[in-house]
């Protein structure tokens, strides 16, 4: 008879063996649970304690659209996008959509006409190109003048936390909350691009006209994957 079988038989008939078996069973189950709860408690205290923390994270961009359009003076060109179009890319990047960006470029297509333009055609006047981004009731607007380019970003988390080497006076949980968009970052994104054109001056029998502007754009989502950890200062003298 094996030792295991012998012990089982003793448990059936011997009260001391039953007590020993119950004790072994209790500690086998209780110790792992106790250690797991203790570890979870330490982690929870660490995240919720106010102190010094560091954030390691990087913003990744996901392309939504490359586009372009000739926009008449005084007109607006609407563009609509949704996170559903790039769902897989978002998940691969970590799933935390924290903003949207549009980058625009534009030249100058002002024209001159008249019999004296060959001698003196005057100078161009800058047009104003404006983009407005909207998501979940939040908006951001930015303008630039041609020829040139500019970028407009709308973000809905506190990305300034990424600029600090050490964040003090906050809990790790609060830092995480301020950098996590969750489902609020998903859904529809509305963009409106507008042009206000202006024609420059020309002397004599030369006139200038500007009917609008050819605008090219790139629209990207901003996705942040990050970790928060307590800041541990190392004594360089040790």
C-alpha atoms as a PDB file:
ATOM      1  CA  UNK A   1       0.000   0.000   0.000  1.00  0.00           C
ATOM      2  CA  UNK A   2       1.364   3.458  -0.922  1.00  0.00           C
ATOM      3  CA  UNK A   3       1.985   6.173   1.605  1.00  0.00           C
ATOM      4  CA  UNK A   4      -0.823   8.286   0.148  1.00  0.00           C
ATOM      5  CA  UNK A   5      -3.295   5.415   0.361  1.00  0.00           C
ATOM      6  CA  UNK A   6      -2.172   4.683   3.908  1.00  0.00           C
ATOM      7  CA  UNK A   7      -2.703   8.308   4.913  1.00  0.00           C
ATOM      8  CA  UNK A   8      -6.201   8.313   3.389  1.00  0.00           C
ATOM      9  CA  UNK A   9      -7.111   5.224   5.370  1.00  0.00           C
ATOM     10  CA  UNK A  10      -5.828   6.856   8.560  1.00  0.00           C
ATOM     11  CA  UNK A  11      -7.961   9.959   7.868  1.00  0.00           C
ATOM     12  CA  UNK A  12     -11.018   7.742   7.697  1.00  0.00           C
ATOM     13  CA  UNK A  13     -10.366   6.124  11.112  1.00  0.00           C
ATOM     14  CA  UNK A  14      -8.007   8.385  13.081  1.00  0.00           C
ATOM     15  CA  UNK A  15      -9.273  11.715  14.511  1.00  0.00           C
ATOM     16  CA  UNK A  16      -5.733  13.145  14.799  1.00  0.00           C
ATOM     17  CA  UNK A  17      -5.132  12.396  11.150  1.00  0.00           C
ATOM     18  CA  UNK A  18      -8.371  14.151  10.244  1.00  0.00           C
ATOM     19  CA  UNK A  19      -7.308  17.240  12.196  1.00  0.00           C
ATOM     20  CA  UNK A  20      -3.918  17.213  10.460  1.00  0.00           C
ATOM     21  CA  UNK A  21      -5.572  16.856   7.050  1.00  0.00           C
ATOM     22  CA  UNK A  22      -7.983  19.736   7.773  1.00  0.00           C
ATOM     23  CA  UNK A  23      -5.076  21.943   8.798  1.00  0.00           C
ATOM     24  CA  UNK A  24      -3.125  21.168   5.632  1.00  0.00           C
ATOM     25  CA  UNK A  25      -6.184  21.851   3.500  1.00  0.00           C
ATOM     26  CA  UNK A  26      -6.887  25.161   5.272  1.00  0.00           C
ATOM     27  CA  UNK A  27      -3.393  26.550   4.855  1.00  0.00           C
ATOM     28  CA  UNK A  28      -3.188  25.336   1.258  1.00  0.00           C
ATOM     29  CA  UNK A  29      -6.257  27.432   0.394  1.00  0.00           C
ATOM     30  CA  UNK A  30      -5.911  30.330   2.814  1.00  0.00           C
ATOM     31  CA  UNK A  31      -2.296  31.313   2.271  1.00  0.00           C
ATOM     32  CA  UNK A  32      -2.540  32.027  -1.496  1.00  0.00           C
ATOM     33  CA  UNK A  33      -5.738  34.029  -0.974  1.00  0.00           C
ATOM     34  CA  UNK A  34      -4.180  36.001   1.869  1.00  0.00           C
ATOM     35  CA  UNK A  35      -1.048  36.766  -0.109  1.00  0.00           C
ATOM     36  CA  UNK A  36      -3.089  37.823  -3.165  1.00  0.00           C
ATOM     37  CA  UNK A  37      -5.241  40.149  -1.075  1.00  0.00           C
ATOM     38  CA  UNK A  38      -2.194  41.632   0.601  1.00  0.00           C
ATOM     39  CA  UNK A  39      -0.522  42.262  -2.745  1.00  0.00           C
ATOM     40  CA  UNK A  40      -3.664  43.848  -4.121  1.00  0.00           C
ATOM     41  CA  UNK A  41      -3.881  46.038  -1.028  1.00  0.00           C
ATOM     42  CA  UNK A  42      -0.305  47.237  -1.445  1.00  0.00           C
ATOM     43  CA  UNK A  43      -0.917  48.045  -5.108  1.00  0.00           C
ATOM     44  CA  UNK A  44      -4.143  49.865  -4.290  1.00  0.00           C
ATOM     45  CA  UNK A  45      -2.498  51.933  -1.562  1.00  0.00           C
ATOM     46  CA  UNK A  46       0.363  52.768  -3.920  1.00  0.00           C
ATOM     47  CA  UNK A  47      -1.964  54.081  -6.618  1.00  0.00           C
ATOM     48  CA  UNK A  48      -4.190  56.040  -4.258  1.00  0.00           C
ATOM     49  CA  UNK A  49      -1.519  57.613  -2.107  1.00  0.00           C
ATOM     50  CA  UNK A  50      -0.628  61.228  -2.835  1.00  0.00           C
ATOM     51  CA  UNK A  51       3.062  61.514  -3.621  1.00  0.00           C
ATOM     52  CA  UNK A  52       5.611  61.663  -6.409  1.00  0.00           C
ATOM     53  CA  UNK A  53       4.990  59.739  -9.636  1.00  0.00           C
ATOM     54  CA  UNK A  54       6.436  59.316 -13.098  1.00  0.00           C
ATOM     55  CA  UNK A  55       4.444  58.717 -16.273  1.00  0.00           C
ATOM     56  CA  UNK A  56       5.853  56.764 -19.162  1.00  0.00           C
ATOM     57  CA  UNK A  57       3.782  57.159 -22.294  1.00  0.00           C
ATOM     58  CA  UNK A  58       3.831  57.957 -25.955  1.00  0.00           C
ATOM     59  CA  UNK A  59       1.197  59.435 -28.250  1.00  0.00           C
ATOM     60  CA  UNK A  60       0.718  57.462 -31.448  1.00  0.00           C
ATOM     61  CA  UNK A  61      -1.091  58.857 -34.493  1.00  0.00           C
ATOM     62  CA  UNK A  62      -3.599  56.928 -36.590  1.00  0.00           C
ATOM     63  CA  UNK A  63      -4.475  58.249 -40.041  1.00  0.00           C
ATOM     64  CA  UNK A  64      -8.140  58.964 -40.644  1.00  0.00           C
ATOM     65  CA  UNK A  65      -7.959  60.875 -43.925  1.00  0.00           C
ATOM     66  CA  UNK A  66      -5.722  62.518 -46.488  1.00  0.00           C
ATOM     67  CA  UNK A  67      -7.849  64.996 -48.390  1.00  0.00           C
ATOM     68  CA  UNK A  68      -7.999  68.259 -50.250  1.00  0.00           C
ATOM     69  CA  UNK A  69     -10.463  70.688 -51.796  1.00  0.00           C
ATOM     70  CA  UNK A  70     -10.683  74.047 -53.485  1.00  0.00           C
ATOM     71  CA  UNK A  71     -12.768  76.115 -51.067  1.00  0.00           C
ATOM     72  CA  UNK A  72     -14.407  79.266 -52.325  1.00  0.00           C
ATOM     73  CA  UNK A  73     -14.040  82.554 -50.510  1.00  0.00           C
ATOM     74  CA  UNK A  74     -16.477  82.647 -47.606  1.00  0.00           C
ATOM     75  CA  UNK A  75     -17.364  78.952 -47.894  1.00  0.00           C
ATOM     76  CA  UNK A  76     -16.839  76.087 -45.463  1.00  0.00           C
ATOM     77  CA  UNK A  77     -16.013  72.470 -46.239  1.00  0.00           C
ATOM     78  CA  UNK A  78     -17.319  69.903 -43.696  1.00  0.00           C
ATOM     79  CA  UNK A  79     -15.525  66.610 -43.038  1.00  0.00           C
ATOM     80  CA  UNK A  80     -16.913  63.820 -40.828  1.00  0.00           C
ATOM     81  CA  UNK A  81     -14.990  60.841 -39.507  1.00  0.00           C
ATOM     82  CA  UNK A  82     -15.565  58.081 -36.944  1.00  0.00           C
ATOM     83  CA  UNK A  83     -13.416  55.854 -34.785  1.00  0.00           C
ATOM     84  CA  UNK A  84     -15.186  52.794 -36.220  1.00  0.00           C
ATOM     85  CA  UNK A  85     -13.211  53.246 -39.448  1.00  0.00           C
ATOM     86  CA  UNK A  86      -9.922  52.465 -37.653  1.00  0.00           C
ATOM     87  CA  UNK A  87     -11.106  50.268 -34.790  1.00  0.00           C
ATOM     88  CA  UNK A  88      -8.373  47.646 -35.193  1.00  0.00           C
ATOM     89  CA  UNK A  89      -5.611  50.255 -35.360  1.00  0.00           C
ATOM     90  CA  UNK A  90      -6.931  51.879 -32.179  1.00  0.00           C
ATOM     91  CA  UNK A  91      -6.907  48.608 -30.261  1.00  0.00           C
ATOM     92  CA  UNK A  92      -3.397  47.802 -31.461  1.00  0.00           C
ATOM     93  CA  UNK A  93      -2.190  51.205 -30.206  1.00  0.00           C
ATOM     94  CA  UNK A  94      -3.691  50.654 -26.751  1.00  0.00           C
ATOM     95  CA  UNK A  95      -7.299  51.772 -27.227  1.00  0.00           C
ATOM     96  CA  UNK A  96      -6.989  55.118 -25.440  1.00  0.00           C
ATOM     97  CA  UNK A  97      -8.038  57.787 -27.981  1.00  0.00           C
ATOM     98  CA  UNK A  98      -7.141  61.149 -26.443  1.00  0.00           C
ATOM     99  CA  UNK A  99      -7.474  63.615 -29.320  1.00  0.00           C
ATOM    100  CA  UNK A 100      -7.771  64.453 -32.984  1.00  0.00           C
ATOM    101  CA  UNK A 101      -5.484  66.549 -35.191  1.00  0.00           C
ATOM    102  CA  UNK A 102      -5.760  68.211 -38.586  1.00  0.00           C
ATOM    103  CA  UNK A 103      -2.675  69.461 -40.436  1.00  0.00           C
ATOM    104  CA  UNK A 104      -3.282  71.759 -43.423  1.00  0.00           C
ATOM    105  CA  UNK A 105      -1.128  73.185 -46.208  1.00  0.00           C
ATOM    106  CA  UNK A 106      -2.037  75.838 -48.774  1.00  0.00           C
ATOM    107  CA  UNK A 107      -0.378  78.068 -51.369  1.00  0.00           C
ATOM    108  CA  UNK A 108      -1.552  81.319 -52.998  1.00  0.00           C
ATOM    109  CA  UNK A 109      -3.561  81.372 -56.224  1.00  0.00           C
ATOM    110  CA  UNK A 110      -4.296  85.078 -56.419  1.00  0.00           C
ATOM    111  CA  UNK A 111      -4.347  86.349 -60.008  1.00  0.00           C
ATOM    112  CA  UNK A 112      -3.817  89.725 -61.671  1.00  0.00           C
ATOM    113  CA  UNK A 113      -5.186  91.088 -64.936  1.00  0.00           C
ATOM    114  CA  UNK A 114      -5.016  94.301 -66.923  1.00  0.00           C
ATOM    115  CA  UNK A 115      -2.823  96.033 -69.524  1.00  0.00           C
ATOM    116  CA  UNK A 116      -0.343  97.449 -67.000  1.00  0.00           C
ATOM    117  CA  UNK A 117       0.192  94.260 -64.959  1.00  0.00           C
ATOM    118  CA  UNK A 118       3.332  93.384 -66.903  1.00  0.00           C
ATOM    119  CA  UNK A 119       5.016  96.487 -65.471  1.00  0.00           C
ATOM    120  CA  UNK A 120       3.623  96.490 -61.939  1.00  0.00           C
ATOM    121  CA  UNK A 121       1.208  93.797 -60.791  1.00  0.00           C
ATOM    122  CA  UNK A 122       1.083  94.690 -57.107  1.00  0.00           C
ATOM    123  CA  UNK A 123       1.362  92.140 -54.329  1.00  0.00           C
ATOM    124  CA  UNK A 124      -0.686  89.275 -52.924  1.00  0.00           C
ATOM    125  CA  UNK A 125      -2.858  89.647 -49.847  1.00  0.00           C
ATOM    126  CA  UNK A 126      -2.938  86.727 -47.394  1.00  0.00           C
ATOM    127  CA  UNK A 127      -6.001  84.524 -47.168  1.00  0.00           C
ATOM    128  CA  UNK A 128      -7.150  83.102 -43.833  1.00  0.00           C
ATOM    129  CA  UNK A 129      -7.667  79.351 -43.591  1.00  0.00           C
ATOM    130  CA  UNK A 130      -9.541  78.117 -40.523  1.00  0.00           C
ATOM    131  CA  UNK A 131     -10.293  74.649 -39.151  1.00  0.00           C
ATOM    132  CA  UNK A 132     -12.685  73.784 -36.332  1.00  0.00           C
ATOM    133  CA  UNK A 133     -12.642  70.355 -34.684  1.00  0.00           C
ATOM    134  CA  UNK A 134     -15.587  69.033 -32.664  1.00  0.00           C
ATOM    135  CA  UNK A 135     -16.087  65.892 -30.574  1.00  0.00           C
ATOM    136  CA  UNK A 136     -18.628  65.218 -27.820  1.00  0.00           C
ATOM    137  CA  UNK A 137     -19.425  68.900 -27.360  1.00  0.00           C
ATOM    138  CA  UNK A 138     -15.764  69.968 -27.181  1.00  0.00           C
ATOM    139  CA  UNK A 139     -14.348  72.249 -29.878  1.00  0.00           C
ATOM    140  CA  UNK A 140     -11.012  73.713 -30.935  1.00  0.00           C
ATOM    141  CA  UNK A 141     -10.391  76.268 -33.685  1.00  0.00           C
ATOM    142  CA  UNK A 142      -7.186  77.475 -35.290  1.00  0.00           C
ATOM    143  CA  UNK A 143      -6.306  79.681 -38.268  1.00  0.00           C
ATOM    144  CA  UNK A 144      -3.349  80.330 -40.530  1.00  0.00           C
ATOM    145  CA  UNK A 145      -2.453  82.535 -43.501  1.00  0.00           C
ATOM    146  CA  UNK A 146      -1.288  81.487 -46.925  1.00  0.00           C
ATOM    147  CA  UNK A 147       1.096  80.536 -48.263  1.00  0.00           C
ATOM    148  CA  UNK A 148       1.939  78.182 -45.428  1.00  0.00           C
ATOM    149  CA  UNK A 149       0.538  75.541 -43.117  1.00  0.00           C
ATOM    150  CA  UNK A 150      -0.850  75.062 -39.648  1.00  0.00           C
ATOM    151  CA  UNK A 151      -2.134  72.370 -37.322  1.00  0.00           C
ATOM    152  CA  UNK A 152      -5.148  72.283 -35.012  1.00  0.00           C
ATOM    153  CA  UNK A 153      -5.489  69.743 -32.198  1.00  0.00           C
ATOM    154  CA  UNK A 154      -8.441  68.918 -29.977  1.00  0.00           C
ATOM    155  CA  UNK A 155      -7.589  66.800 -26.919  1.00  0.00           C
ATOM    156  CA  UNK A 156      -9.811  65.669 -24.056  1.00  0.00           C
ATOM    157  CA  UNK A 157      -7.261  64.465 -21.484  1.00  0.00           C
ATOM    158  CA  UNK A 158      -4.524  66.294 -19.581  1.00  0.00           C
ATOM    159  CA  UNK A 159      -1.572  65.645 -21.897  1.00  0.00           C
ATOM    160  CA  UNK A 160       0.483  68.287 -20.079  1.00  0.00           C
ATOM    161  CA  UNK A 161       1.191  65.607 -17.457  1.00  0.00           C
ATOM    162  CA  UNK A 162       3.505  63.968 -19.988  1.00  0.00           C
ATOM    163  CA  UNK A 163       5.735  67.063 -19.909  1.00  0.00           C
ATOM    164  CA  UNK A 164       6.695  66.607 -16.240  1.00  0.00           C
ATOM    165  CA  UNK A 165       9.591  64.370 -15.284  1.00  0.00           C
ATOM    166  CA  UNK A 166       8.115  63.972 -11.806  1.00  0.00           C
ATOM    167  CA  UNK A 167       4.470  64.678 -10.886  1.00  0.00           C
ATOM    168  CA  UNK A 168       4.008  65.719  -7.260  1.00  0.00           C
ATOM    169  CA  UNK A 169       0.977  66.305  -5.064  1.00  0.00           C
ATOM    170  CA  UNK A 170      -1.308  63.861  -6.902  1.00  0.00           C
ATOM    171  CA  UNK A 171      -2.222  60.217  -6.504  1.00  0.00           C
ATOM    172  CA  UNK A 172      -1.325  57.693  -9.142  1.00  0.00           C
ATOM    173  CA  UNK A 173      -5.019  56.913  -9.587  1.00  0.00           C
ATOM    174  CA  UNK A 174      -5.814  60.570 -10.229  1.00  0.00           C
ATOM    175  CA  UNK A 175      -3.003  60.847 -12.771  1.00  0.00           C
ATOM    176  CA  UNK A 176      -4.303  57.758 -14.549  1.00  0.00           C
ATOM    177  CA  UNK A 177      -7.844  59.173 -14.587  1.00  0.00           C
ATOM    178  CA  UNK A 178      -6.641  62.414 -16.165  1.00  0.00           C
ATOM    179  CA  UNK A 179      -4.875  60.535 -18.967  1.00  0.00           C
ATOM    180  CA  UNK A 180      -7.585  57.956 -19.716  1.00  0.00           C
ATOM    181  CA  UNK A 181     -10.382  58.844 -22.132  1.00  0.00           C
ATOM    182  CA  UNK A 182     -12.163  55.492 -22.174  1.00  0.00           C
ATOM    183  CA  UNK A 183     -15.229  55.373 -24.393  1.00  0.00           C
ATOM    184  CA  UNK A 184     -15.432  59.198 -24.367  1.00  0.00           C
ATOM    185  CA  UNK A 185     -12.632  59.270 -26.932  1.00  0.00           C
ATOM    186  CA  UNK A 186     -14.537  57.144 -29.425  1.00  0.00           C
ATOM    187  CA  UNK A 187     -17.360  58.028 -31.787  1.00  0.00           C
ATOM    188  CA  UNK A 188     -17.803  60.770 -34.375  1.00  0.00           C
ATOM    189  CA  UNK A 189     -15.406  63.621 -35.164  1.00  0.00           C
ATOM    190  CA  UNK A 190     -16.594  66.667 -37.098  1.00  0.00           C
ATOM    191  CA  UNK A 191     -14.253  69.047 -38.882  1.00  0.00           C
ATOM    192  CA  UNK A 192     -15.094  72.256 -40.731  1.00  0.00           C
ATOM    193  CA  UNK A 193     -12.511  73.974 -42.945  1.00  0.00           C
ATOM    194  CA  UNK A 194     -13.173  77.543 -44.080  1.00  0.00           C
ATOM    195  CA  UNK A 195     -11.481  80.115 -46.300  1.00  0.00           C
ATOM    196  CA  UNK A 196     -11.641  83.890 -46.177  1.00  0.00           C
ATOM    197  CA  UNK A 197      -9.864  85.192 -49.272  1.00  0.00           C
ATOM    198  CA  UNK A 198      -8.462  88.662 -49.861  1.00  0.00           C
ATOM    199  CA  UNK A 199      -7.072  90.267 -53.018  1.00  0.00           C
ATOM    200  CA  UNK A 200      -4.042  92.531 -52.927  1.00  0.00           C
ATOM    201  CA  UNK A 201      -3.635  95.963 -54.431  1.00  0.00           C
ATOM    202  CA  UNK A 202      -2.337  96.689 -57.923  1.00  0.00           C
ATOM    203  CA  UNK A 203      -1.467 100.090 -59.468  1.00  0.00           C
ATOM    204  CA  UNK A 204      -2.843 101.616 -62.645  1.00  0.00           C
ATOM    205  CA  UNK A 205      -4.939  99.475 -64.942  1.00  0.00           C
ATOM    206  CA  UNK A 206      -4.038  96.245 -63.165  1.00  0.00           C
ATOM    207  CA  UNK A 207      -6.471  94.501 -60.877  1.00  0.00           C
ATOM    208  CA  UNK A 208      -6.129  91.505 -58.608  1.00  0.00           C
ATOM    209  CA  UNK A 209      -8.647  88.815 -57.686  1.00  0.00           C
ATOM    210  CA  UNK A 210      -8.767  85.887 -55.267  1.00  0.00           C
ATOM    211  CA  UNK A 211     -11.767  83.556 -55.354  1.00  0.00           C
ATOM    212  CA  UNK A 212     -10.661  81.061 -52.743  1.00  0.00           C
ATOM    213  CA  UNK A 213      -7.908  78.623 -51.864  1.00  0.00           C
ATOM    214  CA  UNK A 214      -6.821  75.059 -52.569  1.00  0.00           C
ATOM    215  CA  UNK A 215      -6.371  73.390 -49.152  1.00  0.00           C
ATOM    216  CA  UNK A 216      -4.810  69.982 -48.498  1.00  0.00           C
ATOM    217  CA  UNK A 217      -5.176  68.243 -45.156  1.00  0.00           C
ATOM    218  CA  UNK A 218      -4.283  65.209 -43.053  1.00  0.00           C
ATOM    219  CA  UNK A 219      -6.589  64.133 -40.223  1.00  0.00           C
ATOM    220  CA  UNK A 220      -5.214  61.874 -37.472  1.00  0.00           C
ATOM    221  CA  UNK A 221      -6.386  60.401 -34.191  1.00  0.00           C
ATOM    222  CA  UNK A 222      -4.105  60.650 -31.163  1.00  0.00           C
ATOM    223  CA  UNK A 223      -3.826  57.470 -29.073  1.00  0.00           C
ATOM    224  CA  UNK A 224      -1.954  57.384 -25.748  1.00  0.00           C
ATOM    225  CA  UNK A 225      -0.539  54.232 -24.174  1.00  0.00           C
ATOM    226  CA  UNK A 226       0.981  54.944 -20.744  1.00  0.00           C
ATOM    227  CA  UNK A 227       1.971  53.619 -17.322  1.00  0.00           C
ATOM    228  CA  UNK A 228       2.101  55.372 -13.935  1.00  0.00           C
ATOM    229  CA  UNK A 229       4.669  54.393 -11.308  1.00  0.00           C
ATOM    230  CA  UNK A 230       5.903  55.833  -7.975  1.00  0.00           C
ATOM    231  CA  UNK A 231       8.997  57.981  -8.331  1.00  0.00           C
ATOM    232  CA  UNK A 232      11.990  56.419  -6.601  1.00  0.00           C
ATOM    233  CA  UNK A 233      14.890  58.789  -6.035  1.00  0.00           C
ATOM    234  CA  UNK A 234      18.265  57.087  -6.183  1.00  0.00           C
ATOM    235  CA  UNK A 235      21.019  58.417  -3.951  1.00  0.00           C
ATOM    236  CA  UNK A 236      23.987  58.940  -6.292  1.00  0.00           C
ATOM    237  CA  UNK A 237      26.427  58.735  -3.341  1.00  0.00           C
ATOM    238  CA  UNK A 238      25.552  55.118  -2.599  1.00  0.00           C
END
